């Protein structure tokens, strides 16, 4: 009888099936979802968070190591597309507008 000395946390997403939940792996990294859930037909990335449909579907099963790998790929995708900043949402735009109108934050 053989046993593996490798823990689920040390496995990469490619070697750990996304269908097998790793219950002992911490999940402290929150989803990059910004609520704009539309997949671009050409790139196959979400227009809001830049994840693939597979990354979105498996996010809840990934531990922090896998989530960090996904976040790094998102940064690379945004950089490659020339969009290093996240999309400006209406809420963020309103907050920035209020800050410009009242820089001291007195309202």
Protein backbone atom coordinates (compact mmCIF):
# COMPACT_ATOMS: atom_id res chain seq x y z
CA UNK A 1 0.00 0.00 0.00
CA UNK A 2 1.49 3.33 -1.03
CA UNK A 3 0.65 6.73 0.33
CA UNK A 4 1.34 10.14 -1.08
CA UNK A 5 3.36 12.54 1.05
CA UNK A 6 2.14 15.52 -0.94
CA UNK A 7 -0.67 17.49 0.68
CA UNK A 8 -3.55 18.96 -1.38
CA UNK A 9 -2.26 22.46 -0.61
CA UNK A 10 1.05 21.75 -2.35
CA UNK A 11 -0.59 20.51 -5.54
CA UNK A 12 -1.09 22.83 -8.48
CA UNK A 13 -4.54 23.33 -10.06
CA UNK A 14 -3.41 21.13 -12.94
CA UNK A 15 -2.61 18.20 -10.63
CA UNK A 16 -5.58 18.69 -8.29
CA UNK A 17 -8.96 18.06 -9.81
CA UNK A 18 -11.22 21.10 -9.46
CA UNK A 19 -14.07 18.69 -8.73
CA UNK A 20 -12.39 17.37 -5.59
CA UNK A 21 -12.79 19.95 -2.83
CA UNK A 22 -9.73 20.44 -0.65
CA UNK A 23 -11.47 20.89 2.70
CA UNK A 24 -8.22 21.45 4.60
CA UNK A 25 -7.00 24.23 2.29
CA UNK A 26 -7.64 27.77 3.59
CA UNK A 27 -9.75 30.09 1.46
CA UNK A 28 -9.08 33.67 2.51
CA UNK A 29 -8.72 35.26 -0.95
CA UNK A 30 -12.02 36.72 -2.13
CA UNK A 31 -13.38 36.45 -5.64
CA UNK A 32 -12.27 39.10 -8.15
CA UNK A 33 -15.87 39.32 -9.43
CA UNK A 34 -17.08 42.90 -9.93
CA UNK A 35 -20.64 41.99 -10.88
CA UNK A 36 -20.21 42.44 -14.64
CA UNK A 37 -20.69 38.81 -15.60
CA UNK A 38 -20.44 38.69 -19.38
CA UNK A 39 -18.10 36.46 -21.35
CA UNK A 40 -16.41 38.09 -24.35
CA UNK A 41 -17.01 35.95 -27.44
CA UNK A 42 -13.52 36.53 -28.85
CA UNK A 43 -11.29 36.28 -25.78
CA UNK A 44 -13.57 33.96 -23.75
CA UNK A 45 -12.78 36.07 -20.65
CA UNK A 46 -15.33 37.72 -18.37
CA UNK A 47 -15.59 41.43 -19.19
CA UNK A 48 -15.63 42.29 -15.48
CA UNK A 49 -13.05 40.08 -13.78
CA UNK A 50 -11.06 38.63 -16.72
CA UNK A 51 -11.54 35.01 -15.59
CA UNK A 52 -12.43 32.17 -17.93
CA UNK A 53 -15.72 30.35 -17.44
CA UNK A 54 -13.75 27.41 -16.00
CA UNK A 55 -11.96 29.64 -13.48
CA UNK A 56 -15.29 31.17 -12.46
CA UNK A 57 -16.96 27.77 -12.09
CA UNK A 58 -14.10 26.28 -10.04
CA UNK A 59 -13.24 29.33 -7.89
CA UNK A 60 -15.18 28.10 -4.86
CA UNK A 61 -13.25 24.81 -4.91
CA UNK A 62 -9.80 26.38 -5.20
CA UNK A 63 -7.65 26.90 -2.15
CA UNK A 64 -5.59 30.06 -1.74
CA UNK A 65 -2.57 28.73 -3.72
CA UNK A 66 -4.78 28.06 -6.75
CA UNK A 67 -6.60 31.37 -6.32
CA UNK A 68 -3.28 33.23 -6.28
CA UNK A 69 -2.32 31.51 -9.54
CA UNK A 70 -5.60 32.60 -11.12
CA UNK A 71 -5.12 36.20 -9.91
CA UNK A 72 -1.64 36.28 -11.42
CA UNK A 73 -3.02 35.07 -14.76
CA UNK A 74 -5.67 37.83 -14.57
CA UNK A 75 -2.97 40.48 -14.12
CA UNK A 76 -1.08 39.07 -17.11
CA UNK A 77 -4.23 39.08 -19.26
CA UNK A 78 -5.03 42.66 -18.32
CA UNK A 79 -1.45 43.76 -19.00
CA UNK A 80 -1.39 41.96 -22.36
CA UNK A 81 -4.63 43.71 -23.31
CA UNK A 82 -3.28 47.10 -22.20
CA UNK A 83 -5.79 47.36 -19.36
CA UNK A 84 -3.75 47.15 -16.19
CA UNK A 85 -6.52 48.67 -14.09
CA UNK A 86 -9.79 47.05 -13.22
CA UNK A 87 -12.87 48.29 -14.99
CA UNK A 88 -14.38 51.41 -13.41
CA UNK A 89 -17.80 50.48 -12.07
CA UNK A 90 -20.61 53.00 -11.62
CA UNK A 91 -20.20 52.77 -7.86
CA UNK A 92 -16.46 53.46 -8.06
CA UNK A 93 -17.04 56.32 -10.52
CA UNK A 94 -19.61 57.91 -8.19
CA UNK A 95 -17.19 57.59 -5.26
CA UNK A 96 -14.39 59.20 -7.29
CA UNK A 97 -16.71 62.02 -8.39
CA UNK A 98 -17.74 62.70 -4.78
CA UNK A 99 -14.09 62.75 -3.73
CA UNK A 100 -13.28 65.32 -6.44
CA UNK A 101 -16.20 67.53 -5.43
CA UNK A 102 -15.40 67.30 -1.73
CA UNK A 103 -11.67 66.55 -1.33
CA UNK A 104 -11.78 67.11 2.43
CA UNK A 105 -14.50 64.46 2.82
CA UNK A 106 -16.70 66.69 4.93
CA UNK A 107 -20.03 65.60 3.48
